[in-house]
Amino acid sequence: MKPKKVCPRCSLNKIYEIRRGKWRCAKCKYEWIPRRLPLYLSEKEWIELLRWFIHGLSGRCISDETGLNRRRVHRALNIVRTAMSKDLPEVFSGTIEVDETYIGGQWKNKRKKQRKIKAKRGRGTLKTPVFGILCRGGKVWAQVVPDVEARTLMPLIDKRVKRGSIICSDTWKSYTGIAAKGYIHRLVEHNKGDYVNAQGNHINGLEGFWGYLKRKLASKGGIRKERLPLYLAEYVWRYNHRNFAHKQKLNKLLKLLYKQ
């Protein structure tokens, strides 16, 4: 997928190349440097790498399939995940689910000195908190957060969800002020074993995404904490484009890389 030779100012397709890699429009004489893939790999290498990446292969397997150096592959995948993190869904509206989860692996797999500390599940754990927003029948957005207090979560909801939308959540205290912000708030009382109430309110869509995310991360055999935002961006992107054909995903990723 090469950059199109179309003038960004007048949309004429009669373009010619001039000095230092620039292009010039024959009509309005506008000059610009075309967007290209990161110079780290050739275009052919990028396409081959992305094909295997879309299939879910690890960096090591991609290196074996493409013949590229393993370090180059891992560096290229970080560039791809960074591009994915910039492909954010628009402001959500309609029926929305909000929830938080904790990422950090099973306690039995921790180091010995960490296992000496008493384990705690859910809120208050030493794992990394992640907050998510899902639009029913649409896309999901998720982000690593420093904590799950109202001062952290409410600004994210206010930024990502259109006023007047229906927001479903559990009874965590940080969601108490949602209705006062101009939203319709529906509660699901998990502590009473209520996962789908009589009105049909639930957060099962987002719970399903959390399960998908944790299974994918577990298959990696553990990742560094500082790289979690990049892997989170990858699986959010994959979930949001789950109905795309392979070629559509490839073209979408190439467009994101041209913008890098």
Protein backbone atom coordinates (compact mmCIF):
# COMPACT_ATOMS: atom_id res chain seq x y z
CA MET A 1 0.00 0.00 0.00
CA LYS A 2 2.00 2.97 -1.28
CA PRO A 3 1.11 6.60 -0.53
CA LYS A 4 -1.39 7.92 -3.11
CA LYS A 5 -0.15 10.56 -5.52
CA VAL A 6 -2.95 13.03 -4.88
CA CYS A 7 -2.43 16.67 -4.01
CA PRO A 8 -3.59 17.29 -0.40
CA ARG A 9 -4.58 20.86 -1.35
CA CYS A 10 -6.49 20.60 -4.67
CA SER A 11 -6.90 16.77 -4.96
CA LEU A 12 -5.38 16.66 -8.46
CA ASN A 13 -3.65 13.37 -9.29
CA LYS A 14 -1.12 14.86 -11.71
CA ILE A 15 1.94 14.82 -9.45
CA TYR A 16 5.65 14.67 -10.10
CA GLU A 17 8.66 14.12 -7.85
CA ILE A 18 11.23 16.85 -7.29
CA ARG A 19 14.30 17.34 -5.09
CA ARG A 20 14.97 15.59 -1.76
CA GLY A 21 12.01 13.20 -2.03
CA LYS A 22 9.36 15.93 -2.29
CA TRP A 23 6.29 15.82 -4.53
CA ARG A 24 4.79 18.81 -6.42
CA CYS A 25 1.29 19.33 -7.80
CA ALA A 26 1.24 20.28 -11.51
CA LYS A 27 -1.77 22.57 -10.99
CA CYS A 28 -1.38 24.53 -7.74
CA LYS A 29 2.42 23.95 -7.40
CA TYR A 30 2.02 22.83 -3.80
CA GLU A 31 5.04 20.89 -2.48
CA TRP A 32 5.03 18.26 0.27
CA ILE A 33 6.88 15.22 1.58
CA PRO A 34 4.71 12.09 1.23
CA ARG A 35 4.04 9.97 4.28
CA ARG A 36 5.95 6.72 4.22
CA LEU A 37 6.29 3.66 6.40
CA PRO A 38 8.89 3.90 9.22
CA LEU A 39 12.32 3.40 7.66
CA TYR A 40 13.13 0.70 10.18
CA LEU A 41 11.97 -2.00 7.71
CA SER A 42 11.30 -2.05 3.97
CA GLU A 43 7.69 -1.94 2.76
CA LYS A 44 7.82 -5.62 1.80
CA GLU A 45 9.18 -6.57 5.25
CA TRP A 46 6.48 -4.49 7.00
CA ILE A 47 3.69 -6.20 5.05
CA GLU A 48 5.07 -9.67 5.73
CA LEU A 49 5.54 -8.90 9.44
CA LEU A 50 2.02 -7.47 9.77
CA ARG A 51 0.46 -10.52 8.10
CA TRP A 52 1.92 -12.83 10.74
CA PHE A 53 1.19 -10.34 13.53
CA ILE A 54 -2.51 -10.20 12.57
CA HIS A 55 -2.62 -14.00 12.86
CA GLY A 56 -1.45 -13.62 16.48
CA LEU A 57 2.07 -15.02 16.22
CA SER A 58 4.62 -14.09 18.85
CA GLY A 59 7.71 -12.02 18.07
CA ARG A 60 9.89 -15.14 18.12
CA CYS A 61 7.64 -16.98 15.64
CA ILE A 62 7.44 -13.91 13.38
CA SER A 63 11.24 -13.78 13.38
CA ASP A 64 11.40 -17.45 12.34
CA GLU A 65 8.80 -17.00 9.58
CA THR A 66 10.23 -13.79 8.12
CA GLY A 67 13.94 -14.39 8.70
CA LEU A 68 14.26 -11.00 10.38
CA ASN A 69 16.44 -10.48 13.44
CA ARG A 70 14.45 -11.03 16.64
CA ARG A 71 15.38 -7.65 18.10
CA ARG A 72 14.28 -5.90 14.91
CA VAL A 73 10.96 -7.73 15.04
CA HIS A 74 10.30 -6.79 18.69
CA ARG A 75 11.20 -3.17 17.96
CA ALA A 76 8.88 -3.16 14.93
CA LEU A 77 6.03 -4.67 16.99
CA ASN A 78 6.43 -1.90 19.56
CA ILE A 79 6.02 0.62 16.71
CA VAL A 80 2.85 -1.20 15.59
CA ARG A 81 1.40 -1.25 19.13
CA THR A 82 2.19 2.44 19.58
CA ALA A 83 0.29 3.16 16.34
CA MET A 84 -2.63 1.04 17.61
CA SER A 85 -2.75 3.08 20.83
CA LYS A 86 -3.46 6.21 18.74
CA ASP A 87 -6.41 4.62 16.92
CA LEU A 88 -8.95 5.56 19.60
CA PRO A 89 -12.74 5.14 19.36
CA GLU A 90 -14.87 8.28 19.17
CA VAL A 91 -16.97 9.53 22.09
CA PHE A 92 -19.37 6.78 23.19
CA SER A 93 -23.13 7.25 23.30
CA GLY A 94 -26.17 5.05 23.87
CA THR A 95 -25.93 2.27 26.46
CA ILE A 96 -22.48 2.18 28.03
CA GLU A 97 -20.76 -0.21 30.43
CA VAL A 98 -17.96 0.89 32.77
CA ASP A 99 -15.83 -1.35 34.97
CA GLU A 100 -12.32 -1.88 36.25
CA THR A 101 -10.08 -4.93 36.50
CA TYR A 102 -6.62 -5.82 37.77
CA ILE A 103 -3.73 -7.25 35.74
CA GLY A 104 -0.70 -8.95 37.24
CA GLY A 105 -0.75 -12.72 36.80
CA GLN A 106 -1.64 -15.50 39.22
CA TRP A 107 -0.27 -15.31 42.74
CA LYS A 108 1.30 -18.80 42.52
CA ASN A 109 3.50 -17.55 39.66
CA LYS A 110 4.90 -14.60 41.64
CA ARG A 111 8.43 -14.50 43.00
CA LYS A 112 8.98 -16.09 46.41
CA LYS A 113 9.46 -12.79 48.26
CA GLN A 114 6.23 -11.46 46.71
CA ARG A 115 4.30 -14.57 47.75
CA LYS A 116 5.28 -13.97 51.36
CA ILE A 117 2.96 -10.95 51.31
CA LYS A 118 -0.64 -12.01 51.94
CA ALA A 119 -2.61 -12.17 48.72
CA LYS A 120 -5.60 -9.91 48.25
CA ARG A 121 -8.09 -10.20 45.40
CA GLY A 122 -9.98 -7.34 43.74
CA ARG A 123 -9.77 -3.77 45.00
CA GLY A 124 -6.76 -3.20 47.22
CA THR A 125 -4.58 -5.75 45.41
CA LEU A 126 -1.00 -4.98 44.39
CA LYS A 127 -1.85 -5.71 40.74
CA THR A 128 -2.13 -2.98 38.09
CA PRO A 129 -5.62 -1.43 37.77
CA VAL A 130 -7.16 -1.04 34.31
CA PHE A 131 -10.33 0.94 33.61
CA GLY A 132 -12.59 0.24 30.65
CA ILE A 133 -15.61 1.65 28.81
CA LEU A 134 -17.70 -0.41 26.38
CA CYS A 135 -20.53 0.67 24.09
CA ARG A 136 -23.18 -2.01 23.63
CA GLY A 137 -22.86 -3.50 20.17
CA GLY A 138 -19.84 -1.31 19.44
CA LYS A 139 -16.30 -0.72 20.57
CA VAL A 140 -14.32 -0.79 23.79
CA TRP A 141 -11.75 1.58 25.28
CA ALA A 142 -9.37 0.73 28.13
CA GLN A 143 -6.48 2.40 29.91
CA VAL A 144 -4.04 1.64 32.72
CA VAL A 145 -4.90 3.91 35.67
CA PRO A 146 -2.99 4.77 38.87
CA ASP A 147 -6.03 3.92 41.05
CA VAL A 148 -9.79 3.36 40.86
CA GLU A 149 -10.87 6.36 42.91
CA ALA A 150 -13.55 8.80 41.72
CA ARG A 151 -10.95 11.55 41.12
CA THR A 152 -9.35 9.28 38.49
CA LEU A 153 -12.33 7.54 36.89
CA MET A 154 -14.91 10.35 36.67
CA PRO A 155 -12.80 12.60 34.35
CA LEU A 156 -12.27 9.62 32.02
CA ILE A 157 -16.01 8.91 31.87
CA ASP A 158 -16.74 12.60 31.32
CA LYS A 159 -14.25 12.73 28.44
CA ARG A 160 -15.23 9.48 26.71
CA VAL A 161 -19.02 9.29 27.17
CA LYS A 162 -21.60 11.69 25.75
CA ARG A 163 -23.91 13.36 28.28
CA GLY A 164 -27.37 11.81 28.45
CA SER A 165 -26.10 8.27 27.77
CA ILE A 166 -27.16 5.30 29.92
CA ILE A 167 -24.22 4.07 31.99
CA CYS A 168 -24.29 0.63 33.63
CA SER A 169 -21.84 -0.08 36.44
CA ASP A 170 -21.44 -2.11 39.61
CA THR A 171 -21.85 -0.54 43.05
CA TRP A 172 -18.25 0.61 43.51
CA LYS A 173 -18.26 3.93 45.40
CA SER A 174 -16.30 5.78 42.68
CA TYR A 175 -19.33 5.59 40.37
CA THR A 176 -21.66 7.32 42.85
CA GLY A 177 -21.56 10.74 41.14
CA ILE A 178 -22.33 9.55 37.59
CA ALA A 179 -25.99 10.66 37.64
CA ALA A 180 -25.00 14.14 38.88
CA LYS A 181 -22.81 14.53 35.77
CA GLY A 182 -25.81 14.34 33.44
CA TYR A 183 -25.93 10.61 32.72
CA ILE A 184 -28.61 7.98 33.37
CA HIS A 185 -27.02 5.63 35.89
CA ARG A 186 -28.04 1.96 36.16
CA LEU A 187 -26.56 -0.21 38.94
CA VAL A 188 -25.81 -3.94 38.89
CA GLU A 189 -25.39 -5.36 42.40
CA HIS A 190 -22.75 -8.06 42.02
CA ASN A 191 -22.37 -8.35 45.79
CA LYS A 192 -25.95 -9.73 45.89
CA GLY A 193 -25.35 -12.16 43.05
CA ASP A 194 -27.21 -9.90 40.61
CA TYR A 195 -25.48 -9.98 37.21
CA VAL A 196 -28.46 -9.15 34.99
CA ASN A 197 -31.26 -7.34 36.82
CA ALA A 198 -34.97 -7.24 35.98
CA GLN A 199 -34.50 -4.18 33.74
CA GLY A 200 -31.84 -5.98 31.69
CA ASN A 201 -28.95 -3.87 33.02
CA HIS A 202 -25.57 -5.59 33.14
CA ILE A 203 -21.86 -5.14 32.46
CA ASN A 204 -21.35 -8.61 30.96
CA GLY A 205 -19.98 -7.18 27.71
CA LEU A 206 -17.07 -5.55 29.48
CA GLU A 207 -16.58 -8.59 31.73
CA GLY A 208 -16.28 -10.63 28.54
CA PHE A 209 -13.60 -8.27 27.23
CA TRP A 210 -11.66 -8.57 30.51
CA GLY A 211 -11.69 -12.35 30.12
CA TYR A 212 -10.47 -12.06 26.53
CA LEU A 213 -7.71 -9.63 27.58
CA LYS A 214 -6.45 -11.82 30.44
CA ARG A 215 -6.39 -14.96 28.29
CA LYS A 216 -4.33 -13.17 25.63
CA LEU A 217 -1.90 -11.74 28.19
CA ALA A 218 -1.56 -15.15 29.89
CA SER A 219 -0.58 -16.70 26.55
CA LYS A 220 2.40 -14.31 26.44
CA GLY A 221 3.89 -16.00 29.51
CA GLY A 222 4.21 -12.71 31.35
CA ILE A 223 5.09 -9.18 30.23
CA ARG A 224 6.86 -6.28 31.88
CA LYS A 225 4.64 -3.89 33.81
CA GLU A 226 5.89 -0.86 31.87
CA ARG A 227 4.86 -2.52 28.57
CA LEU A 228 1.31 -3.31 29.69
CA PRO A 229 -0.17 -0.12 28.10
CA LEU A 230 1.14 -1.18 24.67
CA TYR A 231 -0.23 -4.73 24.94
CA LEU A 232 -3.51 -3.32 26.25
CA ALA A 233 -3.70 -1.04 23.19
CA GLU A 234 -3.07 -4.06 20.94
CA TYR A 235 -5.92 -6.15 22.35
CA VAL A 236 -8.32 -3.21 22.48
CA TRP A 237 -7.58 -2.65 18.78
CA ARG A 238 -7.98 -6.33 17.96
CA TYR A 239 -11.31 -6.47 19.81
CA ASN A 240 -12.62 -3.34 18.08
CA HIS A 241 -11.69 -4.73 14.65
CA ARG A 242 -12.68 -8.35 15.34
CA ASN A 243 -15.19 -8.34 12.47
CA PHE A 244 -12.69 -7.06 9.90
CA ALA A 245 -11.32 -9.41 7.27
CA HIS A 246 -7.57 -10.08 7.27
CA LYS A 247 -6.94 -7.72 4.33
CA GLN A 248 -8.96 -4.94 6.01
CA LYS A 249 -6.88 -5.25 9.17
CA LEU A 250 -3.67 -5.17 7.14
CA ASN A 251 -4.69 -2.01 5.28
CA LYS A 252 -5.82 -0.37 8.51
CA LEU A 253 -2.48 -1.06 10.20
CA LEU A 254 -0.54 0.21 7.18
CA LYS A 255 -2.52 3.48 7.27
CA LEU A 256 -1.68 3.86 10.97
CA LEU A 257 2.01 3.27 10.28
CA TYR A 258 2.04 5.88 7.50
CA LYS A 259 0.90 8.41 10.14
CA GLN A 260 3.79 7.56 12.49
